[in-house]
Protein backbone atom coordinates (compact mmCIF):
# COMPACT_ATOMS: atom_id res chain seq x y z
CA MET A 1 120.07 125.03 67.29
CA PRO A 2 119.79 125.64 63.86
CA TRP A 3 117.37 127.74 61.48
CA PHE A 4 115.51 126.58 58.86
CA VAL A 5 114.03 128.24 55.17
CA TYR A 6 111.00 127.06 54.39
CA SER A 7 108.94 128.19 51.51
CA GLY A 8 105.12 126.76 50.95
CA ILE A 9 101.23 127.33 50.44
CA ASP A 10 99.32 128.91 53.06
CA ALA A 11 95.37 127.97 53.83
CA LYS A 12 94.43 130.42 51.74
CA GLY A 13 96.83 129.15 48.66
CA ARG A 14 99.21 131.80 49.13
CA ASN A 15 102.45 131.34 48.59
CA VAL A 16 104.48 131.71 51.52
CA SER A 17 108.15 131.52 53.14
CA GLY A 18 109.98 132.23 56.04
CA GLU A 19 112.81 130.90 58.99
CA GLU A 20 112.05 128.35 61.87
CA PHE A 21 114.60 127.76 64.90
CA GLY A 22 114.08 124.28 66.18
CA ASP A 23 116.27 121.19 66.52
CA ASN A 24 116.17 119.70 63.75
CA GLN A 25 113.90 119.51 60.88
CA THR A 26 111.26 117.54 61.08
CA GLU A 27 110.44 119.36 64.28
CA VAL A 28 110.76 122.55 62.05
CA LEU A 29 108.59 120.92 59.59
CA ALA A 30 105.40 119.90 62.27
CA ARG A 31 105.16 123.27 63.84
CA VAL A 32 105.11 124.83 60.17
CA MET A 33 102.44 122.68 59.12
CA ALA A 34 100.55 123.09 62.31
CA GLY A 35 99.98 126.54 61.31
CA GLY A 36 97.71 125.55 58.49
CA VAL A 37 101.42 125.72 56.19
CA SER A 38 101.78 122.76 53.12
CA VAL A 39 105.33 122.78 53.32
CA LEU A 40 107.28 122.64 49.74
CA ASP A 41 111.04 123.20 50.69
CA ILE A 42 112.93 123.42 53.81
CA ARG A 43 116.25 123.18 54.23
CA VAL A 44 119.15 124.35 56.84
CA LYS A 45 119.38 128.13 56.69
CA LYS A 46 122.92 129.44 55.73
CA GLY A 47 125.45 130.19 57.60
CA THR A 48 124.16 128.66 60.72
CA GLY A 49 126.37 126.19 62.55
CA ILE A 50 129.43 126.69 64.82
CA PHE A 51 130.24 130.45 63.49
CA GLU A 52 126.30 131.29 63.91
CA ALA A 53 126.67 129.69 67.45
CA ILE A 54 130.14 131.59 68.84
CA GLY A 55 128.68 134.59 67.10
CA ASN A 56 125.55 134.22 69.10
CA LYS A 57 127.89 134.10 72.68
CA PHE A 58 128.64 138.15 71.92
CA GLN A 59 124.85 138.72 71.70
CA TRP A 60 122.85 139.51 74.45
CA VAL A 61 119.41 141.02 75.07
CA SER A 62 119.62 143.95 77.65
CA THR A 63 117.50 144.58 80.56
CA HIS A 64 115.85 147.66 78.82
CA GLU A 65 114.86 145.98 75.69
CA LEU A 66 112.96 143.54 78.03
CA LYS A 67 111.14 145.58 79.99
CA PHE A 68 109.90 147.84 77.15
CA LEU A 69 109.04 143.93 75.85
CA TYR A 70 106.98 143.48 78.49
CA VAL A 71 104.74 146.59 78.52
CA ASN A 72 103.94 146.86 74.47
CA LEU A 73 103.09 142.77 75.18
CA ALA A 74 100.91 143.92 78.02
CA THR A 75 99.62 147.00 76.06
CA LEU A 76 98.34 144.71 73.06
CA ILE A 77 96.58 141.74 74.65
CA GLU A 78 94.84 144.45 76.66
CA ALA A 79 94.02 146.38 73.36
CA GLY A 80 92.55 143.08 72.18
CA CYS A 81 95.14 141.96 70.10
CA THR A 82 96.15 138.01 70.15
CA LEU A 83 99.04 136.54 72.12
CA ARG A 84 100.61 135.37 68.54
CA ALA A 85 99.68 138.63 67.27
CA SER A 86 100.91 140.76 69.12
CA ILE A 87 104.32 138.75 69.41
CA ALA A 88 105.06 138.47 66.32
CA SER A 89 104.26 142.44 65.46
CA LEU A 90 107.14 142.56 68.42
CA GLY A 91 109.20 140.02 66.84
CA GLU A 92 109.27 142.34 63.71
CA GLN A 93 109.65 145.84 65.03
CA SER A 94 112.82 144.40 67.32
CA GLU A 95 116.05 145.69 66.47
CA ASN A 96 117.95 143.01 68.80
CA PRO A 97 118.76 140.05 66.14
CA LEU A 98 118.53 137.71 69.43
CA LEU A 99 115.56 138.83 70.58
CA LYS A 100 113.51 138.69 67.32
CA LYS A 101 115.18 135.39 66.42
CA ALA A 102 113.51 134.17 69.84
CA LEU A 103 110.01 135.96 69.29
CA LEU A 104 109.58 134.46 65.96
CA ASP A 105 110.70 131.02 67.18
CA ILE A 106 107.95 131.47 70.49
CA ASN A 107 105.50 132.82 67.92
CA SER A 108 105.82 129.47 66.00
CA ALA A 109 105.42 127.25 69.28
CA ILE A 110 102.88 128.81 70.49
CA ALA A 111 101.46 128.23 66.67
CA SER A 112 101.80 124.27 67.64
CA GLY A 113 99.96 124.25 70.06
CA LYS A 114 102.52 124.70 73.66
CA SER A 115 101.65 127.35 76.09
CA PHE A 116 103.26 130.91 76.15
CA SER A 117 105.26 130.06 79.28
CA GLU A 118 106.23 126.21 77.82
CA SER A 119 107.72 128.30 74.69
CA LEU A 120 109.56 130.80 76.99
CA GLN A 121 111.41 127.46 78.37
CA ALA A 122 113.32 126.98 75.35
CA HIS A 123 115.21 130.70 75.69
CA PRO A 124 116.50 130.76 79.10
CA ASN A 125 119.36 133.15 78.42
CA ILE A 126 117.25 135.67 77.28
CA PHE A 127 113.75 134.72 80.09
CA SER A 128 114.56 134.29 83.57
CA PRO A 129 112.11 131.42 85.84
CA LEU A 130 110.97 133.96 87.83
CA PHE A 131 109.31 135.47 84.43
CA ILE A 132 108.53 132.18 83.26
CA SER A 133 106.64 130.96 86.40
CA LEU A 134 104.52 134.52 86.77
CA VAL A 135 103.66 134.14 83.04
CA LYS A 136 102.18 130.52 83.97
CA ALA A 137 100.57 131.85 87.13
CA GLY A 138 98.59 134.39 84.07
CA GLU A 139 97.71 131.87 82.13
CA GLU A 140 95.79 129.79 84.35
CA GLY A 141 94.71 133.00 86.05
CA GLY A 142 93.67 135.06 82.81
CA MET A 143 95.41 138.15 83.88
CA LEU A 144 98.54 137.92 81.61
CA ASP A 145 98.60 141.47 80.84
CA GLN A 146 98.65 142.64 84.13
CA ILE A 147 101.55 140.53 85.63
CA LEU A 148 103.84 141.80 82.04
CA LEU A 149 103.16 145.01 83.54
CA ARG A 150 103.89 143.65 86.94
CA TYR A 151 106.88 142.28 85.98
CA ALA A 152 107.94 145.13 83.77
CA ALA A 153 107.97 147.10 87.09
CA PHE A 154 109.63 144.80 88.95
CA THR A 155 112.67 144.48 86.36
CA GLU A 156 112.37 148.40 85.98
CA ASN A 157 113.11 148.24 89.91
CA GLN A 158 115.43 145.99 89.85
CA GLU A 159 117.90 147.34 88.02
CA ALA A 160 117.54 150.75 89.72
CA ILE A 161 118.92 148.85 92.66
CA LYS A 162 121.93 147.50 90.45
CA SER A 163 122.14 150.85 88.67
CA ARG A 164 123.04 152.45 92.56
CA ILE A 165 125.18 149.91 93.59
CA ARG A 166 127.65 149.60 90.19
CA GLY A 167 127.14 153.67 90.31
CA ALA A 168 128.57 153.27 94.01
CA LEU A 169 131.31 151.13 93.36
CA VAL A 170 132.60 152.83 90.27
CA LEU A 171 133.62 155.91 92.21
CA PRO A 172 135.91 154.16 94.33
CA ALA A 173 137.20 152.39 91.07
CA ILE A 174 138.26 155.11 89.92
CA MET A 175 140.09 156.67 92.65
CA VAL A 176 141.90 153.49 92.92
CA LEU A 177 143.38 153.65 89.16
CA VAL A 178 144.35 157.34 89.73
CA ALA A 179 146.25 156.72 93.13
CA VAL A 180 147.78 153.18 91.37
CA GLY A 181 148.24 155.29 87.94
CA VAL A 182 149.86 158.09 90.04
CA VAL A 183 152.09 156.09 92.23
CA ILE A 184 153.26 153.72 88.97
CA GLY A 185 154.38 156.71 87.67
CA LEU A 186 156.19 158.35 90.25
CA LEU A 187 157.92 154.72 91.30
CA THR A 188 159.12 154.44 87.23
CA TYR A 189 160.05 157.77 86.36
CA VAL A 190 159.78 160.71 88.99
CA PHE A 191 161.85 158.65 91.50
CA PRO A 192 164.65 156.96 89.75
CA THR A 193 165.19 160.61 87.13
CA PHE A 194 165.83 161.74 91.06
CA MET A 195 168.43 159.43 92.17
CA GLU A 196 170.58 159.39 89.44
CA LEU A 197 172.07 162.46 91.45
CA PHE A 198 172.79 159.38 94.28
CA LYS A 199 174.28 157.03 91.50
CA GLY A 200 176.69 154.86 92.66
CA ARG A 201 176.20 155.64 96.75
CA GLU A 202 173.00 153.92 97.15
CA SER A 203 174.70 151.61 100.22
CA MET A 204 174.42 154.91 101.71
CA LEU A 205 171.36 156.04 100.82
CA PRO A 206 168.71 156.02 104.48
CA MET A 207 166.58 152.56 104.18
CA PRO A 208 162.69 154.06 103.40
CA THR A 209 164.43 155.74 100.42
CA ARG A 210 166.76 152.58 99.57
CA VAL A 211 163.01 150.60 100.36
CA VAL A 212 161.50 152.85 97.47
CA MET A 213 164.15 151.96 94.78
CA SER A 214 164.14 148.59 95.25
CA ILE A 215 160.35 148.61 95.07
CA SER A 216 160.98 151.38 92.08
CA ASP A 217 163.65 148.92 90.25
CA PHE A 218 161.41 145.99 90.34
CA LEU A 219 158.37 147.98 88.94
CA ARG A 220 161.15 148.67 85.67
CA TYR A 221 162.59 145.21 85.62
CA GLN A 222 160.80 142.79 86.80
CA TYR A 223 157.43 144.38 85.28
CA LEU A 224 156.94 141.25 83.18
CA ASN A 225 157.30 139.03 86.57
CA LEU A 226 154.22 141.29 88.10
CA ILE A 227 151.99 140.69 85.46
CA GLY A 228 153.09 137.11 85.45
CA LEU A 229 152.09 137.08 89.25
CA VAL A 230 148.59 139.56 88.63
CA ILE A 231 147.26 137.17 86.12
CA CYS A 232 148.42 133.90 88.50
CA VAL A 233 145.81 135.97 91.49
CA ILE A 234 142.80 136.69 88.71
CA VAL A 235 142.98 132.71 87.87
CA GLY A 236 143.62 131.58 91.09
CA LEU A 237 140.66 133.34 92.36
CA TRP A 238 138.52 132.25 89.35
CA LEU A 239 139.10 128.68 90.14
CA PHE A 240 138.47 129.25 94.05
CA LEU A 241 134.89 130.90 93.39
CA LYS A 242 134.07 128.26 90.54
CA TRP A 243 134.81 125.90 93.68
CA GLU A 244 132.11 125.25 95.37
CA LYS A 245 133.37 125.50 99.13
CA GLY A 246 135.45 128.60 97.59
CA TRP A 247 132.04 130.31 96.60
CA ARG A 248 130.34 129.48 100.17
CA ALA A 249 133.29 131.61 102.00
CA PHE A 250 132.94 134.28 99.28
CA SER A 251 129.19 134.20 100.68
CA TRP A 252 129.96 134.56 104.33
CA PHE A 253 132.70 136.98 103.56
CA GLN A 254 130.49 139.14 101.04
CA LEU A 255 128.37 140.11 104.07
CA ARG A 256 130.22 141.08 106.47
CA VAL A 257 133.12 142.98 104.74
CA PRO A 258 133.15 145.82 106.24
CA LEU A 259 131.29 149.24 104.37
CA PHE A 260 129.59 147.20 101.71
CA GLY A 261 128.35 143.94 103.82
CA THR A 262 125.56 145.98 104.69
CA LEU A 263 125.36 146.83 101.44
CA PHE A 264 124.97 143.57 100.27
CA ARG A 265 122.72 142.33 103.05
CA LYS A 266 120.08 144.66 102.57
CA THR A 267 120.52 144.56 98.64
CA TYR A 268 119.95 140.72 99.26
CA VAL A 269 116.73 141.05 101.51
CA ALA A 270 115.46 143.45 98.98
CA ARG A 271 115.05 140.95 96.25
CA PHE A 272 113.88 138.80 98.29
CA ALA A 273 111.33 139.99 99.50
CA HIS A 274 110.00 141.89 95.87
CA THR A 275 110.69 138.53 94.09
CA LEU A 276 108.89 136.12 96.48
CA GLY A 277 106.27 139.18 97.05
CA SER A 278 105.53 139.47 92.73
CA LEU A 279 105.39 135.33 92.68
CA VAL A 280 103.08 135.35 95.79
CA LYS A 281 100.39 138.27 94.69
CA GLY A 282 100.86 136.42 91.05
CA GLY A 283 99.14 133.34 92.17
CA VAL A 284 102.48 130.93 92.29
CA PRO A 285 101.98 128.79 94.73
CA ALA A 286 104.56 129.52 98.23
CA LEU A 287 106.85 126.36 97.95
CA ARG A 288 107.83 126.79 93.87
CA ALA A 289 107.66 130.96 94.89
CA LEU A 290 110.68 130.79 97.34
CA ARG A 291 111.98 127.92 95.28
CA ILE A 292 112.48 130.00 92.63
CA THR A 293 113.37 133.25 94.91
CA SER A 294 116.56 131.03 95.54
CA GLU A 295 117.37 130.69 92.12
CA THR A 296 117.57 134.96 92.18
CA ILE A 297 120.25 135.31 95.02
CA PRO A 298 123.54 134.07 94.01
CA ASN A 299 124.61 134.28 97.57
CA THR A 300 124.91 130.85 99.12
CA GLU A 301 124.53 131.74 102.56
CA VAL A 302 121.09 133.65 101.52
CA LYS A 303 120.09 130.58 99.22
CA ASP A 304 120.87 127.94 102.62
CA VAL A 305 118.23 130.48 105.06
CA ILE A 306 115.51 130.40 102.10
CA ALA A 307 116.29 126.82 102.02
CA ASN A 308 115.00 126.79 105.70
CA ILE A 309 112.43 128.96 104.75
CA GLN A 310 111.03 126.57 102.36
CA GLU A 311 111.52 123.50 104.40
CA SER A 312 109.16 125.66 107.19
CA VAL A 313 106.84 125.86 105.17
CA GLU A 314 106.56 122.35 103.54
CA ARG A 315 106.11 120.79 107.01
CA GLY A 316 103.71 123.27 107.54
CA GLY A 317 105.06 125.97 109.15
CA THR A 318 105.30 130.05 108.38
CA PHE A 319 108.03 131.77 107.32
CA SER A 320 108.85 134.06 110.20
CA ILE A 321 110.10 131.16 112.37
CA PRO A 322 112.92 130.05 110.00
CA MET A 323 114.04 134.22 110.05
CA GLN A 324 114.06 135.26 113.39
CA LYS A 325 117.19 132.14 113.52
CA HIS A 326 119.05 134.34 111.18
CA LYS A 327 119.18 137.93 112.41
CA HIS A 328 122.14 139.07 110.81
CA LEU A 329 120.34 139.08 107.74
CA PHE A 330 116.29 139.11 108.27
CA PRO A 331 115.97 141.95 111.34
CA SER A 332 113.74 141.62 113.75
CA MET A 333 111.84 144.80 112.58
CA VAL A 334 111.56 142.59 108.99
CA THR A 335 110.14 139.29 110.84
CA LEU A 336 107.71 140.90 112.62
CA MET A 337 106.48 142.41 109.50
CA ILE A 338 106.58 139.07 107.53
CA ASN A 339 104.31 137.50 110.52
CA VAL A 340 101.88 139.96 110.53
CA GLY A 341 100.91 139.87 106.84
CA GLU A 342 101.06 135.65 107.53
CA SER A 343 98.55 136.41 110.03
CA THR A 344 95.85 138.81 108.56
CA GLY A 345 96.32 136.83 105.03
CA LYS A 346 98.35 139.97 103.35
CA ILE A 347 101.72 138.45 103.09
CA ASP A 348 102.23 140.17 100.02
CA HIS A 349 101.12 143.20 100.54
CA MET A 350 104.26 143.05 103.28
CA LEU A 351 107.08 141.84 101.70
CA ASP A 352 105.98 144.59 99.44
CA LYS A 353 106.70 146.70 102.15
CA VAL A 354 109.52 145.37 103.34
CA GLY A 355 111.34 145.86 99.71
CA GLU A 356 110.39 148.88 99.00
CA TYR A 357 112.11 149.92 102.73
CA TYR A 358 115.07 148.43 101.76
CA ASP A 359 115.23 149.83 98.33
CA GLN A 360 115.30 153.24 100.45
CA GLU A 361 117.56 151.63 103.14
CA VAL A 362 120.42 150.49 99.82
CA SER A 363 119.93 153.94 98.88
CA GLU A 364 120.82 155.44 101.97
CA THR A 365 123.34 152.59 102.68
CA ILE A 366 125.34 153.32 99.18
CA SER A 367 125.55 157.63 100.52
CA ALA A 368 126.78 156.86 103.70
CA ILE A 369 129.44 154.44 101.78
CA LEU A 370 130.53 157.16 99.13
CA THR A 371 130.74 159.26 102.13
CA ALA A 372 133.05 157.23 104.13
CA ILE A 373 135.35 155.53 101.34
CA GLU A 374 136.21 158.75 99.87
CA PRO A 375 138.60 160.27 102.22
CA LEU A 376 139.72 156.77 103.41
CA LEU A 377 140.67 156.64 99.40
CA THR A 378 142.04 160.12 99.90
CA VAL A 379 144.44 159.57 103.46
CA VAL A 380 145.94 156.09 101.76
CA MET A 381 146.83 157.63 98.80
CA GLY A 382 148.28 160.99 100.23
CA THR A 383 150.29 158.10 102.86
CA ILE A 384 151.42 156.36 99.99
CA VAL A 385 152.48 159.49 97.60
CA LEU A 386 153.92 160.88 101.43
CA THR A 387 155.79 158.33 101.57
CA ILE A 388 157.80 158.59 97.83
CA ALA A 389 158.29 161.86 98.43
CA ALA A 390 159.60 161.78 101.87
CA SER A 391 162.34 158.89 100.45
CA MET A 392 163.38 161.11 98.10
CA PHE A 393 164.23 164.07 99.86
CA LEU A 394 165.84 162.18 103.08
CA PRO A 395 169.34 162.09 101.12
CA LEU A 396 168.93 165.27 100.48
CA PHE A 397 168.88 166.57 104.41
CA ASN A 398 172.16 164.09 104.48
CA ILE A 399 173.21 164.86 101.29
CA SER A 400 177.26 165.98 101.85
CA LYS A 401 177.37 162.43 103.45
CA VAL A 402 175.85 160.88 100.82
CA LEU A 403 177.88 162.71 98.25
CA ARG A 404 181.14 162.26 100.28
């Protein structure tokens, strides 16, 4: 959608000008006039169009920026500022162009008569369905500032979990890259240089040496084929994951892969509990809360379990009964806590407890993975280097026969 530049006269007779974001000129004109401005001139802002649209693809709003937006907005509203004044102030102070434009557009939409939650829906690339639903519940319950503070804490917690998971993957990834670099260096430089001693007598070399030599020659002279193969594998995996059945197979594998399967299961349970607990506590109806929770989890198998829970609630049943059928994802302890929460009418409190417990479990699992994977990678790397070294020195044990 393009931006429009307008100029006019406000209700106090002052000359004003500004920018508005909208589908067309008529929509923007109506919105500006609803804000009490008599528009004298309006036109499409120069530079909007395909090039700006392409530029916007490379802009994003970080979780850190959103967290501070929620906290500051809640603080301003709690201090007595109006919603429009708070959003306008934060929009003017924002250093992120994408967020700045979004806040100004939201402020204009509110001025035209839309609610805050309706205005947020025009920016799904910035604000999640979970946040929009909580804002709607906060507007209806008159506790928007509390909702914003609660969501800021929720966002910070989720970001901390993601950071811990990324941290668990960084060290193994670095070790793998170093190992691959060392092996490539040995096979493309050290090994061929050493094998010059036996040039012309390759057929007399031991079998392990000839095998490593073939791999070395492939890396040195057929590297374009190797690069092409890697690209084909990456594209093939991407297409496979874009395929519905392919993603479903990946989701099944993700929950059962050694070491990391446990981490993913606990992470999804923690996200499920935190998200659903925040929505229920915010006053969102159970069925809608379950649907939104499902949208925040990418794993298809977990989505299916949540759909089963949703069907049970829709028929007048409980959350806990469908969970009992999926003990690989929801252990008996979780089911029991949810059941107790339903019986006492404090399911949101129990969901928070489950989320906090599994946050701790995620941290412990990450530590266990790092403890297990470091020696494992060291052994694998050592085995590969030892194999290459052995293939180099085996001919020396029988050098007189090879050089004869």
